[in-house]
Amino acid sequence: MSENQSDDQVAPGGLPMGPLNEKLGIEILEASPDRLVATMPVEGNQQPFGLLHGGASVVLAESLGSVGSAMHARGLGKIAVGVDINATHHRSATSGLVTGVATPLHLGRSMASWEIVISDDAGRRVCTSRITCALIEPKQ
């Protein structure tokens, strides 16, 4: 880890989470090859009208999908880089925590795709996202 990286939040396998995840309060609770779970507080991540900012939901989704892809890529001697992400916002969240659950759609040799479902404290779906990462050879 470089001196510019925070060691406060580290994903499974020692992968750094980065300062944006720290600022948003994202915490990974569970990580396995077929499921990742993380939470993020709504407070501090709202848009001007008091609703969870859609961009914050996308950051949560990208973090989960990227970490899952990186875990898969590491086993292949590769690294994961995001190439596509989309999100559909179903309802608003105004307080509490949102929870993201990522499950793989495809784990291949050159691509990995994940679906991330983000729910509020009542278990209602707030957002559905999908991310695709290319799995590439690390630079020497």
C-alpha atoms as a PDB file:
ATOM      1  CA  MET A   1       0.000   0.000   0.000  1.00  0.00           C
ATOM      2  CA  SER A   2       1.416   3.385  -0.926  1.00  0.00           C
ATOM      3  CA  GLU A   3       1.724   6.224   1.553  1.00  0.00           C
ATOM      4  CA  ASN A   4      -1.195   7.969  -0.196  1.00  0.00           C
ATOM      5  CA  GLN A   5      -3.586   5.104   0.498  1.00  0.00           C
ATOM      6  CA  SER A   6      -5.533   4.871   3.733  1.00  0.00           C
ATOM      7  CA  ASP A   7      -5.189   1.667   5.702  1.00  0.00           C
ATOM      8  CA  ASP A   8      -8.428   2.317   7.607  1.00  0.00           C
ATOM      9  CA  GLN A   9     -10.646   0.413   5.171  1.00  0.00           C
ATOM     10  CA  VAL A  10      -9.262  -2.641   3.423  1.00  0.00           C
ATOM     11  CA  ALA A  11     -11.318  -5.069   1.367  1.00  0.00           C
ATOM     12  CA  PRO A  12     -10.860  -8.838   1.544  1.00  0.00           C
ATOM     13  CA  GLY A  13      -7.437 -10.019   0.454  1.00  0.00           C
ATOM     14  CA  GLY A  14      -5.847  -6.720   1.463  1.00  0.00           C
ATOM     15  CA  LEU A  15      -7.325  -4.785  -1.469  1.00  0.00           C
ATOM     16  CA  PRO A  16      -7.462  -1.064  -0.583  1.00  0.00           C
ATOM     17  CA  MET A  17     -10.916   0.530  -0.595  1.00  0.00           C
ATOM     18  CA  GLY A  18      -9.735   4.085  -1.216  1.00  0.00           C
ATOM     19  CA  PRO A  19     -10.667   7.445   0.291  1.00  0.00           C
ATOM     20  CA  LEU A  20     -14.040   7.871  -1.465  1.00  0.00           C
ATOM     21  CA  ASN A  21     -15.452   4.768   0.208  1.00  0.00           C
ATOM     22  CA  GLU A  22     -14.151   6.044   3.518  1.00  0.00           C
ATOM     23  CA  LYS A  23     -15.801   9.459   2.988  1.00  0.00           C
ATOM     24  CA  LEU A  24     -19.136   7.832   2.182  1.00  0.00           C
ATOM     25  CA  GLY A  25     -18.928   5.510   5.199  1.00  0.00           C
ATOM     26  CA  ILE A  26     -19.059   2.279   3.201  1.00  0.00           C
ATOM     27  CA  GLU A  27     -18.315  -0.825   5.266  1.00  0.00           C
ATOM     28  CA  ILE A  28     -17.941  -4.308   3.822  1.00  0.00           C
ATOM     29  CA  LEU A  29     -19.655  -6.831   6.094  1.00  0.00           C
ATOM     30  CA  GLU A  30     -19.305 -10.013   4.057  1.00  0.00           C
ATOM     31  CA  ALA A  31     -17.145 -11.090   1.134  1.00  0.00           C
ATOM     32  CA  SER A  32     -17.016 -14.437  -0.592  1.00  0.00           C
ATOM     33  CA  PRO A  33     -16.555 -15.476  -4.229  1.00  0.00           C
ATOM     34  CA  ASP A  34     -20.329 -15.536  -4.743  1.00  0.00           C
ATOM     35  CA  ARG A  35     -21.646 -12.726  -2.496  1.00  0.00           C
ATOM     36  CA  LEU A  36     -20.510  -9.398  -1.075  1.00  0.00           C
ATOM     37  CA  VAL A  37     -22.475  -7.268   1.387  1.00  0.00           C
ATOM     38  CA  ALA A  38     -21.782  -3.687   2.483  1.00  0.00           C
ATOM     39  CA  THR A  39     -23.624  -0.861   4.205  1.00  0.00           C
ATOM     40  CA  MET A  40     -23.571   2.892   3.742  1.00  0.00           C
ATOM     41  CA  PRO A  41     -25.247   5.576   5.854  1.00  0.00           C
ATOM     42  CA  VAL A  42     -27.814   7.807   4.185  1.00  0.00           C
ATOM     43  CA  GLU A  43     -26.850  10.748   6.387  1.00  0.00           C
ATOM     44  CA  GLY A  44     -24.020  12.683   4.790  1.00  0.00           C
ATOM     45  CA  ASN A  45     -24.725  11.126   1.391  1.00  0.00           C
ATOM     46  CA  GLN A  46     -27.885  13.042   0.495  1.00  0.00           C
ATOM     47  CA  GLN A  47     -28.700  15.372  -2.356  1.00  0.00           C
ATOM     48  CA  PRO A  48     -30.077  18.865  -1.531  1.00  0.00           C
ATOM     49  CA  PHE A  49     -33.633  17.596  -0.931  1.00  0.00           C
ATOM     50  CA  GLY A  50     -32.584  15.159   1.795  1.00  0.00           C
ATOM     51  CA  LEU A  51     -32.768  11.995  -0.310  1.00  0.00           C
ATOM     52  CA  LEU A  52     -29.925   9.523  -0.759  1.00  0.00           C
ATOM     53  CA  HIS A  53     -27.872  10.801  -3.692  1.00  0.00           C
ATOM     54  CA  GLY A  54     -28.057   8.456  -6.671  1.00  0.00           C
ATOM     55  CA  GLY A  55     -24.328   8.862  -7.202  1.00  0.00           C
ATOM     56  CA  ALA A  56     -23.685   7.552  -3.694  1.00  0.00           C
ATOM     57  CA  SER A  57     -25.687   4.436  -4.561  1.00  0.00           C
ATOM     58  CA  VAL A  58     -23.569   3.983  -7.681  1.00  0.00           C
ATOM     59  CA  VAL A  59     -20.366   4.307  -5.633  1.00  0.00           C
ATOM     60  CA  LEU A  60     -21.610   1.604  -3.248  1.00  0.00           C
ATOM     61  CA  ALA A  61     -22.499  -0.646  -6.194  1.00  0.00           C
ATOM     62  CA  GLU A  62     -19.199  -0.047  -7.977  1.00  0.00           C
ATOM     63  CA  SER A  63     -17.241  -0.720  -4.813  1.00  0.00           C
ATOM     64  CA  LEU A  64     -18.930  -4.084  -4.279  1.00  0.00           C
ATOM     65  CA  GLY A  65     -18.688  -5.171  -7.907  1.00  0.00           C
ATOM     66  CA  SER A  66     -15.096  -4.008  -8.208  1.00  0.00           C
ATOM     67  CA  VAL A  67     -13.981  -5.804  -5.062  1.00  0.00           C
ATOM     68  CA  GLY A  68     -15.734  -8.992  -6.178  1.00  0.00           C
ATOM     69  CA  SER A  69     -14.162  -8.727  -9.617  1.00  0.00           C
ATOM     70  CA  ALA A  70     -10.734  -8.047  -8.093  1.00  0.00           C
ATOM     71  CA  MET A  71     -11.047 -11.125  -5.874  1.00  0.00           C
ATOM     72  CA  HIS A  72     -11.868 -13.225  -8.946  1.00  0.00           C
ATOM     73  CA  ALA A  73      -9.146 -11.598 -11.071  1.00  0.00           C
ATOM     74  CA  ARG A  74      -6.476 -12.154  -8.443  1.00  0.00           C
ATOM     75  CA  GLY A  75      -6.999 -15.911  -8.747  1.00  0.00           C
ATOM     76  CA  LEU A  76      -6.243 -15.586 -12.468  1.00  0.00           C
ATOM     77  CA  GLY A  77      -3.149 -13.417 -11.937  1.00  0.00           C
ATOM     78  CA  LYS A  78      -5.016 -10.415 -13.370  1.00  0.00           C
ATOM     79  CA  ILE A  79      -6.464  -7.110 -12.210  1.00  0.00           C
ATOM     80  CA  ALA A  80     -10.022  -5.838 -12.637  1.00  0.00           C
ATOM     81  CA  VAL A  81     -10.904  -2.515 -14.234  1.00  0.00           C
ATOM     82  CA  GLY A  82     -14.444  -1.207 -14.565  1.00  0.00           C
ATOM     83  CA  VAL A  83     -15.771  -0.778 -18.094  1.00  0.00           C
ATOM     84  CA  ASP A  84     -19.520  -0.329 -17.577  1.00  0.00           C
ATOM     85  CA  ILE A  85     -21.938   0.452 -14.766  1.00  0.00           C
ATOM     86  CA  ASN A  86     -25.625   1.274 -14.742  1.00  0.00           C
ATOM     87  CA  ALA A  87     -28.194   1.881 -12.041  1.00  0.00           C
ATOM     88  CA  THR A  88     -31.947   2.063 -11.773  1.00  0.00           C
ATOM     89  CA  HIS A  89     -33.219   4.029  -8.775  1.00  0.00           C
ATOM     90  CA  HIS A  90     -36.525   2.562  -7.581  1.00  0.00           C
ATOM     91  CA  ARG A  91     -37.310   4.593  -4.467  1.00  0.00           C
ATOM     92  CA  SER A  92     -35.713   7.111  -2.165  1.00  0.00           C
ATOM     93  CA  ALA A  93     -34.040   6.598   1.182  1.00  0.00           C
ATOM     94  CA  THR A  94     -33.987   9.443   3.708  1.00  0.00           C
ATOM     95  CA  SER A  95     -32.393   7.969   6.831  1.00  0.00           C
ATOM     96  CA  GLY A  96     -30.649   4.961   8.321  1.00  0.00           C
ATOM     97  CA  LEU A  97     -28.397   2.643   6.374  1.00  0.00           C
ATOM     98  CA  VAL A  98     -28.674   1.192   2.927  1.00  0.00           C
ATOM     99  CA  THR A  99     -27.307  -2.285   2.300  1.00  0.00           C
ATOM    100  CA  GLY A 100     -25.818  -3.464  -0.970  1.00  0.00           C
ATOM    101  CA  VAL A 101     -25.712  -7.142  -1.881  1.00  0.00           C
ATOM    102  CA  ALA A 102     -23.610  -8.106  -4.896  1.00  0.00           C
ATOM    103  CA  THR A 103     -23.902 -11.434  -6.680  1.00  0.00           C
ATOM    104  CA  PRO A 104     -21.974 -12.476  -9.771  1.00  0.00           C
ATOM    105  CA  LEU A 105     -23.722 -12.720 -13.122  1.00  0.00           C
ATOM    106  CA  HIS A 106     -20.588 -13.916 -14.963  1.00  0.00           C
ATOM    107  CA  LEU A 107     -17.070 -14.695 -13.770  1.00  0.00           C
ATOM    108  CA  GLY A 108     -14.944 -15.405 -16.815  1.00  0.00           C
ATOM    109  CA  ARG A 109     -11.296 -15.237 -17.830  1.00  0.00           C
ATOM    110  CA  SER A 110     -11.529 -11.767 -19.368  1.00  0.00           C
ATOM    111  CA  MET A 111     -14.751 -10.235 -17.950  1.00  0.00           C
ATOM    112  CA  ALA A 112     -16.713 -10.257 -14.700  1.00  0.00           C
ATOM    113  CA  SER A 113     -20.242  -8.890 -14.255  1.00  0.00           C
ATOM    114  CA  TRP A 114     -22.142  -8.396 -11.007  1.00  0.00           C
ATOM    115  CA  GLU A 115     -25.669  -7.420 -10.013  1.00  0.00           C
ATOM    116  CA  ILE A 116     -25.950  -5.228  -6.932  1.00  0.00           C
ATOM    117  CA  VAL A 117     -29.248  -4.764  -5.108  1.00  0.00           C
ATOM    118  CA  ILE A 118     -29.358  -1.868  -2.637  1.00  0.00           C
ATOM    119  CA  SER A 119     -32.107  -1.906  -0.001  1.00  0.00           C
ATOM    120  CA  ASP A 120     -33.188   0.383   2.825  1.00  0.00           C
ATOM    121  CA  ASP A 121     -33.534  -0.530   6.508  1.00  0.00           C
ATOM    122  CA  ALA A 122     -37.041  -1.898   5.837  1.00  0.00           C
ATOM    123  CA  GLY A 123     -35.696  -4.233   3.137  1.00  0.00           C
ATOM    124  CA  ARG A 124     -37.254  -2.252   0.283  1.00  0.00           C
ATOM    125  CA  ARG A 125     -35.249  -2.122  -2.937  1.00  0.00           C
ATOM    126  CA  VAL A 126     -33.801   1.351  -3.448  1.00  0.00           C
ATOM    127  CA  CYS A 127     -31.553   0.673  -6.435  1.00  0.00           C
ATOM    128  CA  THR A 128     -30.506  -2.105  -8.792  1.00  0.00           C
ATOM    129  CA  SER A 129     -27.128  -1.791 -10.458  1.00  0.00           C
ATOM    130  CA  ARG A 130     -24.955  -3.874 -12.771  1.00  0.00           C
ATOM    131  CA  ILE A 131     -21.213  -3.524 -13.255  1.00  0.00           C
ATOM    132  CA  THR A 132     -18.884  -5.167 -15.749  1.00  0.00           C
ATOM    133  CA  CYS A 133     -15.129  -5.262 -15.234  1.00  0.00           C
ATOM    134  CA  ALA A 134     -12.462  -6.260 -17.727  1.00  0.00           C
ATOM    135  CA  LEU A 135      -9.846  -8.615 -16.302  1.00  0.00           C
ATOM    136  CA  ILE A 136      -6.456  -7.571 -17.628  1.00  0.00           C
ATOM    137  CA  GLU A 137      -2.817  -8.489 -17.196  1.00  0.00           C
ATOM    138  CA  PRO A 138      -1.065  -6.228 -14.660  1.00  0.00           C
ATOM    139  CA  LYS A 139       1.562  -3.843 -16.025  1.00  0.00           C
ATOM    140  CA  GLN A 140       5.080  -5.049 -15.385  1.00  0.00           C
END
